[in-house]
Amino acid sequence: MEGFDGAILRKLRQRDGRCGLVLSVLRQARDPARDGWCGHWGKSGALAYLWITAIIFLLVEPYNRDKFVRFHSFQALFLGLASIAGHIVLSVIPIIGWTLMPLWSLLVLVVALIAAVKAYQNQTWSIPVIGPFAEKQV
């Protein structure tokens, strides 16, 4: 433990030497502005790839103030828009477009899953072409 938590634990150890319960309480009661939802912004970033939650995260505090969550929310929304645009274009093209549509859906799903896993691991993974647009919005 470092920082704020470490200073409190040192004082508690000086008093009575017992800090197991206090340590578990401190881990759960950290500052949400620093640690995010349940201690990890990664969970919020991963949930953004459900697309509806991306909109919610952009509207609700403290998520709309965190750059990590904002980036993944915008990236998820832009991925959703690219998915819709791709489906519209492929649906207009007879036969070839119709046969490519399931592959496009699978590609979007795989990219969303990879991005969600990276976000869960607290990594900022930029999807090619879409990622730079999301970075500009943050």
N, C-alpha and C. Protein backbone atom coordinates (compact mmCIF):
# COMPACT_ATOMS: atom_id res chain seq x y z
N MET A 1 0.84 -1.18 0.00
CA MET A 1 0.00 0.00 0.00
C MET A 1 0.89 1.24 0.00
N GLU A 2 0.53 2.19 -0.80
CA GLU A 2 1.32 3.40 -0.85
C GLU A 2 0.41 4.59 -0.72
N GLY A 3 1.00 5.75 -0.53
CA GLY A 3 0.23 6.99 -0.50
C GLY A 3 -0.66 7.09 0.72
N PHE A 4 -1.87 7.54 0.48
CA PHE A 4 -2.85 7.79 1.53
C PHE A 4 -3.10 6.55 2.38
N ASP A 5 -3.32 5.41 1.74
CA ASP A 5 -3.60 4.18 2.47
C ASP A 5 -2.43 3.76 3.35
N GLY A 6 -1.23 3.89 2.83
CA GLY A 6 -0.04 3.50 3.57
C GLY A 6 0.16 4.33 4.82
N ALA A 7 -0.09 5.63 4.74
CA ALA A 7 0.07 6.51 5.89
C ALA A 7 -0.92 6.14 6.99
N ILE A 8 -2.14 5.85 6.62
CA ILE A 8 -3.15 5.47 7.61
C ILE A 8 -2.78 4.14 8.26
N LEU A 9 -2.33 3.19 7.46
CA LEU A 9 -1.97 1.88 8.01
C LEU A 9 -0.80 1.97 8.97
N ARG A 10 0.17 2.81 8.66
CA ARG A 10 1.30 2.97 9.58
C ARG A 10 0.84 3.51 10.93
N LYS A 11 -0.07 4.47 10.89
CA LYS A 11 -0.59 5.03 12.15
C LYS A 11 -1.39 3.98 12.92
N LEU A 12 -2.17 3.18 12.20
CA LEU A 12 -2.96 2.15 12.89
C LEU A 12 -2.07 1.08 13.49
N ARG A 13 -0.99 0.72 12.81
CA ARG A 13 -0.07 -0.28 13.35
C ARG A 13 0.63 0.23 14.61
N GLN A 14 0.91 1.53 14.64
CA GLN A 14 1.54 2.11 15.82
C GLN A 14 0.60 2.04 17.02
N ARG A 15 -0.70 2.15 16.76
CA ARG A 15 -1.68 2.13 17.86
C ARG A 15 -1.83 0.74 18.46
N ASP A 16 -2.28 -0.22 17.63
CA ASP A 16 -2.57 -1.53 18.21
C ASP A 16 -2.02 -2.71 17.41
N GLY A 17 -1.36 -2.47 16.29
CA GLY A 17 -0.74 -3.56 15.54
C GLY A 17 -1.71 -4.38 14.71
N ARG A 18 -3.00 -4.18 14.86
CA ARG A 18 -3.97 -4.96 14.08
C ARG A 18 -4.52 -4.08 12.96
N CYS A 19 -4.42 -4.55 11.75
CA CYS A 19 -4.95 -3.74 10.66
C CYS A 19 -5.55 -4.59 9.55
N GLY A 20 -5.77 -5.87 9.75
CA GLY A 20 -6.34 -6.72 8.70
C GLY A 20 -7.71 -6.26 8.25
N LEU A 21 -8.61 -6.01 9.20
CA LEU A 21 -9.96 -5.55 8.87
C LEU A 21 -9.91 -4.15 8.28
N VAL A 22 -9.10 -3.29 8.88
CA VAL A 22 -9.00 -1.92 8.38
C VAL A 22 -8.45 -1.91 6.97
N LEU A 23 -7.49 -2.77 6.69
CA LEU A 23 -6.91 -2.85 5.36
C LEU A 23 -7.97 -3.24 4.33
N SER A 24 -8.80 -4.20 4.65
CA SER A 24 -9.83 -4.60 3.70
C SER A 24 -10.87 -3.50 3.51
N VAL A 25 -11.18 -2.77 4.57
CA VAL A 25 -12.13 -1.66 4.44
C VAL A 25 -11.53 -0.54 3.59
N LEU A 26 -10.25 -0.24 3.81
CA LEU A 26 -9.61 0.82 3.04
C LEU A 26 -9.53 0.47 1.56
N ARG A 27 -9.31 -0.79 1.26
CA ARG A 27 -9.25 -1.19 -0.16
C ARG A 27 -10.58 -0.98 -0.85
N GLN A 28 -11.67 -1.14 -0.11
CA GLN A 28 -12.99 -0.98 -0.70
C GLN A 28 -13.43 0.47 -0.73
N ALA A 29 -12.87 1.30 0.14
CA ALA A 29 -13.34 2.68 0.27
C ALA A 29 -12.36 3.69 -0.31
N ARG A 30 -11.73 3.36 -1.38
CA ARG A 30 -10.79 4.29 -2.00
C ARG A 30 -11.55 5.40 -2.71
N ASP A 31 -10.82 6.41 -3.06
CA ASP A 31 -11.38 7.57 -3.73
C ASP A 31 -11.86 7.19 -5.13
N PRO A 32 -13.17 7.34 -5.43
CA PRO A 32 -13.67 6.94 -6.75
C PRO A 32 -13.13 7.81 -7.88
N ALA A 33 -12.74 9.04 -7.58
CA ALA A 33 -12.17 9.88 -8.64
C ALA A 33 -10.80 9.36 -9.06
N ARG A 34 -10.10 8.65 -8.16
CA ARG A 34 -8.79 8.14 -8.49
C ARG A 34 -8.87 6.72 -9.04
N ASP A 35 -9.70 5.89 -8.46
CA ASP A 35 -9.71 4.48 -8.79
C ASP A 35 -10.85 4.02 -9.66
N GLY A 36 -11.91 4.78 -9.77
CA GLY A 36 -13.01 4.40 -10.63
C GLY A 36 -13.98 3.44 -9.98
N TRP A 37 -14.77 2.82 -10.81
CA TRP A 37 -15.84 1.96 -10.36
C TRP A 37 -15.25 0.68 -9.79
N CYS A 38 -15.49 0.41 -8.53
CA CYS A 38 -14.98 -0.78 -7.84
C CYS A 38 -13.45 -0.88 -7.95
N GLY A 39 -12.77 0.25 -8.05
CA GLY A 39 -11.32 0.23 -8.05
C GLY A 39 -10.68 0.15 -9.41
N HIS A 40 -11.44 0.02 -10.48
CA HIS A 40 -10.82 -0.12 -11.80
C HIS A 40 -11.64 0.63 -12.84
N TRP A 41 -10.99 1.54 -13.55
CA TRP A 41 -11.65 2.17 -14.69
C TRP A 41 -11.76 1.17 -15.83
N GLY A 42 -10.95 0.13 -15.79
CA GLY A 42 -10.96 -0.87 -16.86
C GLY A 42 -12.31 -1.54 -17.02
N LYS A 43 -12.99 -1.81 -15.91
CA LYS A 43 -14.32 -2.42 -16.01
C LYS A 43 -15.29 -1.49 -16.72
N SER A 44 -15.21 -0.21 -16.40
CA SER A 44 -16.09 0.75 -17.06
C SER A 44 -15.74 0.88 -18.54
N GLY A 45 -14.44 0.88 -18.85
CA GLY A 45 -14.03 0.95 -20.25
C GLY A 45 -14.49 -0.25 -21.04
N ALA A 46 -14.44 -1.43 -20.42
CA ALA A 46 -14.89 -2.65 -21.10
C ALA A 46 -16.40 -2.64 -21.30
N LEU A 47 -17.13 -2.16 -20.31
CA LEU A 47 -18.59 -2.10 -20.44
C LEU A 47 -19.04 -1.11 -21.50
N ALA A 48 -18.18 -0.15 -21.83
CA ALA A 48 -18.53 0.83 -22.86
C ALA A 48 -18.77 0.17 -24.21
N TYR A 49 -18.19 -0.99 -24.44
CA TYR A 49 -18.33 -1.65 -25.74
C TYR A 49 -19.68 -2.36 -25.89
N LEU A 50 -20.56 -2.20 -24.92
CA LEU A 50 -21.94 -2.65 -25.09
C LEU A 50 -22.77 -1.57 -25.77
N TRP A 51 -22.16 -0.46 -26.12
CA TRP A 51 -22.66 0.68 -26.87
C TRP A 51 -23.70 1.50 -26.11
N ILE A 52 -24.70 0.91 -25.53
CA ILE A 52 -25.67 1.68 -24.76
C ILE A 52 -25.00 2.25 -23.51
N THR A 53 -24.15 1.44 -22.88
CA THR A 53 -23.46 1.93 -21.70
C THR A 53 -22.45 3.02 -22.06
N ALA A 54 -21.97 3.04 -23.28
CA ALA A 54 -21.05 4.11 -23.70
C ALA A 54 -21.75 5.46 -23.62
N ILE A 55 -22.99 5.50 -24.04
CA ILE A 55 -23.77 6.74 -23.97
C ILE A 55 -23.99 7.13 -22.51
N ILE A 56 -24.31 6.14 -21.69
CA ILE A 56 -24.54 6.41 -20.27
C ILE A 56 -23.26 6.94 -19.62
N PHE A 57 -22.12 6.32 -19.92
CA PHE A 57 -20.86 6.77 -19.33
C PHE A 57 -20.50 8.19 -19.77
N LEU A 58 -20.89 8.59 -20.97
CA LEU A 58 -20.59 9.95 -21.41
C LEU A 58 -21.52 10.98 -20.78
N LEU A 59 -22.61 10.53 -20.20
CA LEU A 59 -23.56 11.45 -19.58
C LEU A 59 -23.47 11.52 -18.05
N VAL A 60 -22.95 10.47 -17.43
CA VAL A 60 -22.98 10.35 -15.97
C VAL A 60 -21.59 10.60 -15.38
N GLU A 61 -21.57 11.37 -14.29
CA GLU A 61 -20.32 11.57 -13.56
C GLU A 61 -20.11 10.41 -12.62
N PRO A 62 -18.92 10.02 -12.27
CA PRO A 62 -17.61 10.57 -12.59
C PRO A 62 -17.03 10.02 -13.88
N TYR A 63 -17.78 9.18 -14.58
CA TYR A 63 -17.25 8.53 -15.78
C TYR A 63 -16.96 9.51 -16.91
N ASN A 64 -17.80 10.54 -17.05
CA ASN A 64 -17.60 11.47 -18.15
C ASN A 64 -16.41 12.41 -17.91
N ARG A 65 -15.82 12.38 -16.73
CA ARG A 65 -14.63 13.18 -16.46
C ARG A 65 -13.33 12.41 -16.65
N ASP A 66 -13.40 11.10 -16.71
CA ASP A 66 -12.19 10.29 -16.84
C ASP A 66 -11.85 10.08 -18.31
N LYS A 67 -10.61 10.39 -18.67
CA LYS A 67 -10.19 10.29 -20.07
C LYS A 67 -10.19 8.86 -20.59
N PHE A 68 -9.85 7.91 -19.72
CA PHE A 68 -9.81 6.50 -20.13
C PHE A 68 -11.21 6.02 -20.52
N VAL A 69 -12.19 6.30 -19.68
CA VAL A 69 -13.57 5.87 -19.95
C VAL A 69 -14.14 6.64 -21.13
N ARG A 70 -13.84 7.93 -21.21
CA ARG A 70 -14.33 8.72 -22.35
C ARG A 70 -13.76 8.19 -23.67
N PHE A 71 -12.47 7.86 -23.67
CA PHE A 71 -11.86 7.33 -24.89
C PHE A 71 -12.55 6.05 -25.33
N HIS A 72 -12.72 5.11 -24.42
CA HIS A 72 -13.34 3.84 -24.80
C HIS A 72 -14.81 4.01 -25.14
N SER A 73 -15.49 4.95 -24.50
CA SER A 73 -16.89 5.20 -24.84
C SER A 73 -17.02 5.76 -26.25
N PHE A 74 -16.19 6.75 -26.57
CA PHE A 74 -16.24 7.31 -27.92
C PHE A 74 -15.80 6.28 -28.96
N GLN A 75 -14.78 5.50 -28.65
CA GLN A 75 -14.33 4.49 -29.59
C GLN A 75 -15.42 3.45 -29.82
N ALA A 76 -16.14 3.07 -28.78
CA ALA A 76 -17.24 2.11 -28.92
C ALA A 76 -18.37 2.69 -29.77
N LEU A 77 -18.68 3.97 -29.55
CA LEU A 77 -19.75 4.59 -30.34
C LEU A 77 -19.34 4.70 -31.81
N PHE A 78 -18.09 5.07 -32.06
CA PHE A 78 -17.63 5.16 -33.45
C PHE A 78 -17.58 3.79 -34.11
N LEU A 79 -17.24 2.77 -33.34
CA LEU A 79 -17.26 1.40 -33.88
C LEU A 79 -18.69 1.00 -34.22
N GLY A 80 -19.64 1.38 -33.38
CA GLY A 80 -21.05 1.10 -33.67
C GLY A 80 -21.52 1.82 -34.92
N LEU A 81 -21.11 3.08 -35.08
CA LEU A 81 -21.48 3.82 -36.30
C LEU A 81 -20.85 3.21 -37.54
N ALA A 82 -19.60 2.76 -37.43
CA ALA A 82 -18.94 2.10 -38.56
C ALA A 82 -19.65 0.79 -38.89
N SER A 83 -20.11 0.09 -37.86
CA SER A 83 -20.85 -1.15 -38.09
C SER A 83 -22.15 -0.90 -38.84
N ILE A 84 -22.87 0.12 -38.40
CA ILE A 84 -24.13 0.46 -39.07
C ILE A 84 -23.88 0.90 -40.51
N ALA A 85 -22.87 1.75 -40.72
CA ALA A 85 -22.56 2.21 -42.07
C ALA A 85 -22.15 1.05 -42.97
N GLY A 86 -21.33 0.14 -42.43
CA GLY A 86 -20.92 -1.02 -43.21
C GLY A 86 -22.10 -1.91 -43.58
N HIS A 87 -23.03 -2.08 -42.65
CA HIS A 87 -24.21 -2.89 -42.95
C HIS A 87 -25.10 -2.23 -44.01
N ILE A 88 -25.22 -0.91 -43.95
CA ILE A 88 -26.02 -0.21 -44.95
C ILE A 88 -25.38 -0.36 -46.34
N VAL A 89 -24.07 -0.16 -46.41
CA VAL A 89 -23.39 -0.29 -47.70
C VAL A 89 -23.49 -1.71 -48.23
N LEU A 90 -23.26 -2.70 -47.37
CA LEU A 90 -23.31 -4.09 -47.83
C LEU A 90 -24.73 -4.54 -48.19
N SER A 91 -25.72 -3.95 -47.56
CA SER A 91 -27.09 -4.36 -47.89
C SER A 91 -27.54 -3.81 -49.25
N VAL A 92 -26.91 -2.74 -49.70
CA VAL A 92 -27.25 -2.15 -51.00
C VAL A 92 -26.63 -2.95 -52.14
N ILE A 93 -25.50 -3.59 -51.88
CA ILE A 93 -24.81 -4.36 -52.93
C ILE A 93 -25.42 -5.76 -53.01
N PRO A 94 -26.03 -6.11 -54.14
CA PRO A 94 -26.67 -7.42 -54.23
C PRO A 94 -25.65 -8.57 -54.24
N ILE A 95 -26.03 -9.65 -53.75
CA ILE A 95 -25.34 -10.94 -53.67
C ILE A 95 -23.98 -10.84 -52.96
N ILE A 96 -23.02 -10.11 -53.50
CA ILE A 96 -21.69 -10.03 -52.86
C ILE A 96 -21.80 -9.35 -51.50
N GLY A 97 -22.51 -8.25 -51.45
CA GLY A 97 -22.69 -7.54 -50.19
C GLY A 97 -23.45 -8.37 -49.17
N TRP A 98 -24.46 -9.07 -49.66
CA TRP A 98 -25.26 -9.90 -48.74
C TRP A 98 -24.43 -11.05 -48.17
N THR A 99 -23.53 -11.59 -48.98
CA THR A 99 -22.70 -12.69 -48.46
C THR A 99 -21.58 -12.17 -47.54
N LEU A 100 -21.15 -10.93 -47.74
CA LEU A 100 -20.11 -10.36 -46.89
C LEU A 100 -20.64 -9.79 -45.57
N MET A 101 -21.94 -9.58 -45.51
CA MET A 101 -22.52 -8.98 -44.30
C MET A 101 -22.26 -9.79 -43.03
N PRO A 102 -22.40 -11.12 -43.03
CA PRO A 102 -22.07 -11.87 -41.80
C PRO A 102 -20.59 -11.76 -41.42
N LEU A 103 -19.71 -11.70 -42.42
CA LEU A 103 -18.29 -11.53 -42.13
C LEU A 103 -18.00 -10.16 -41.52
N TRP A 104 -18.71 -9.14 -42.01
CA TRP A 104 -18.57 -7.80 -41.45
C TRP A 104 -19.04 -7.78 -40.00
N SER A 105 -20.16 -8.42 -39.73
CA SER A 105 -20.68 -8.49 -38.35
C SER A 105 -19.69 -9.22 -37.45
N LEU A 106 -19.12 -10.29 -37.94
CA LEU A 106 -18.14 -11.03 -37.15
C LEU A 106 -16.88 -10.20 -36.89
N LEU A 107 -16.44 -9.46 -37.90
CA LEU A 107 -15.27 -8.60 -37.74
C LEU A 107 -15.52 -7.52 -36.68
N VAL A 108 -16.68 -6.89 -36.72
CA VAL A 108 -17.02 -5.86 -35.73
C VAL A 108 -17.10 -6.47 -34.34
N LEU A 109 -17.67 -7.66 -34.22
CA LEU A 109 -17.76 -8.32 -32.92
C LEU A 109 -16.38 -8.65 -32.37
N VAL A 110 -15.51 -9.18 -33.21
CA VAL A 110 -14.15 -9.54 -32.77
C VAL A 110 -13.38 -8.29 -32.34
N VAL A 111 -13.49 -7.22 -33.11
CA VAL A 111 -12.79 -5.97 -32.76
C VAL A 111 -13.33 -5.42 -31.44
N ALA A 112 -14.65 -5.47 -31.26
CA ALA A 112 -15.25 -4.98 -30.01
C ALA A 112 -14.80 -5.83 -28.82
N LEU A 113 -14.71 -7.13 -29.01
CA LEU A 113 -14.26 -8.01 -27.92
C LEU A 113 -12.80 -7.76 -27.57
N ILE A 114 -11.96 -7.59 -28.58
CA ILE A 114 -10.55 -7.30 -28.33
C ILE A 114 -10.41 -5.97 -27.59
N ALA A 115 -11.14 -4.96 -28.04
CA ALA A 115 -11.07 -3.65 -27.39
C ALA A 115 -11.59 -3.72 -25.96
N ALA A 116 -12.65 -4.49 -25.72
CA ALA A 116 -13.19 -4.62 -24.37
C ALA A 116 -12.21 -5.33 -23.44
N VAL A 117 -11.55 -6.35 -23.94
CA VAL A 117 -10.55 -7.06 -23.13
C VAL A 117 -9.38 -6.14 -22.82
N LYS A 118 -8.92 -5.39 -23.81
CA LYS A 118 -7.83 -4.45 -23.57
C LYS A 118 -8.23 -3.38 -22.56
N ALA A 119 -9.46 -2.90 -22.66
CA ALA A 119 -9.95 -1.90 -21.70
C ALA A 119 -10.04 -2.49 -20.30
N TYR A 120 -10.49 -3.72 -20.20
CA TYR A 120 -10.58 -4.39 -18.91
C TYR A 120 -9.20 -4.54 -18.27
N GLN A 121 -8.18 -4.68 -19.10
CA GLN A 121 -6.80 -4.78 -18.62
C GLN A 121 -6.16 -3.41 -18.42
N ASN A 122 -6.98 -2.35 -18.45
CA ASN A 122 -6.53 -0.97 -18.27
C ASN A 122 -5.53 -0.53 -19.34
N GLN A 123 -5.72 -1.02 -20.55
CA GLN A 123 -4.87 -0.62 -21.67
C GLN A 123 -5.69 0.22 -22.64
N THR A 124 -5.07 1.24 -23.18
CA THR A 124 -5.73 2.07 -24.19
C THR A 124 -5.32 1.55 -25.55
N TRP A 125 -6.16 0.71 -26.14
CA TRP A 125 -5.89 0.15 -27.46
C TRP A 125 -6.70 0.92 -28.48
N SER A 126 -6.01 1.49 -29.43
CA SER A 126 -6.66 2.30 -30.44
C SER A 126 -6.98 1.44 -31.66
N ILE A 127 -8.26 1.37 -32.00
CA ILE A 127 -8.69 0.64 -33.19
C ILE A 127 -8.22 1.43 -34.41
N PRO A 128 -7.59 0.77 -35.38
CA PRO A 128 -7.14 1.50 -36.57
C PRO A 128 -8.31 2.25 -37.23
N VAL A 129 -8.06 3.43 -37.68
CA VAL A 129 -8.98 4.36 -38.33
C VAL A 129 -9.95 4.98 -37.32
N ILE A 130 -10.55 4.20 -36.44
CA ILE A 130 -11.55 4.71 -35.50
C ILE A 130 -10.90 5.35 -34.27
N GLY A 131 -9.82 4.78 -33.80
CA GLY A 131 -9.15 5.24 -32.58
C GLY A 131 -8.73 6.71 -32.60
N PRO A 132 -8.12 7.19 -33.69
CA PRO A 132 -7.74 8.61 -33.71
C PRO A 132 -8.91 9.57 -33.57
N PHE A 133 -10.07 9.21 -34.11
CA PHE A 133 -11.25 10.05 -33.94
C PHE A 133 -11.68 10.08 -32.48
N ALA A 134 -11.59 8.95 -31.81
CA ALA A 134 -11.95 8.89 -30.39
C ALA A 134 -10.97 9.70 -29.55
N GLU A 135 -9.69 9.65 -29.90
CA GLU A 135 -8.69 10.43 -29.16
C GLU A 135 -8.93 11.92 -29.29
N LYS A 136 -9.41 12.37 -30.43
CA LYS A 136 -9.72 13.80 -30.61
C LYS A 136 -10.90 14.23 -29.75
N GLN A 137 -11.83 13.33 -29.51
CA GLN A 137 -13.02 13.68 -28.71
C GLN A 137 -12.73 13.76 -27.21
N VAL A 138 -11.68 13.05 -26.79
CA VAL A 138 -11.35 13.02 -25.36
C VAL A 138 -10.77 14.37 -25.00
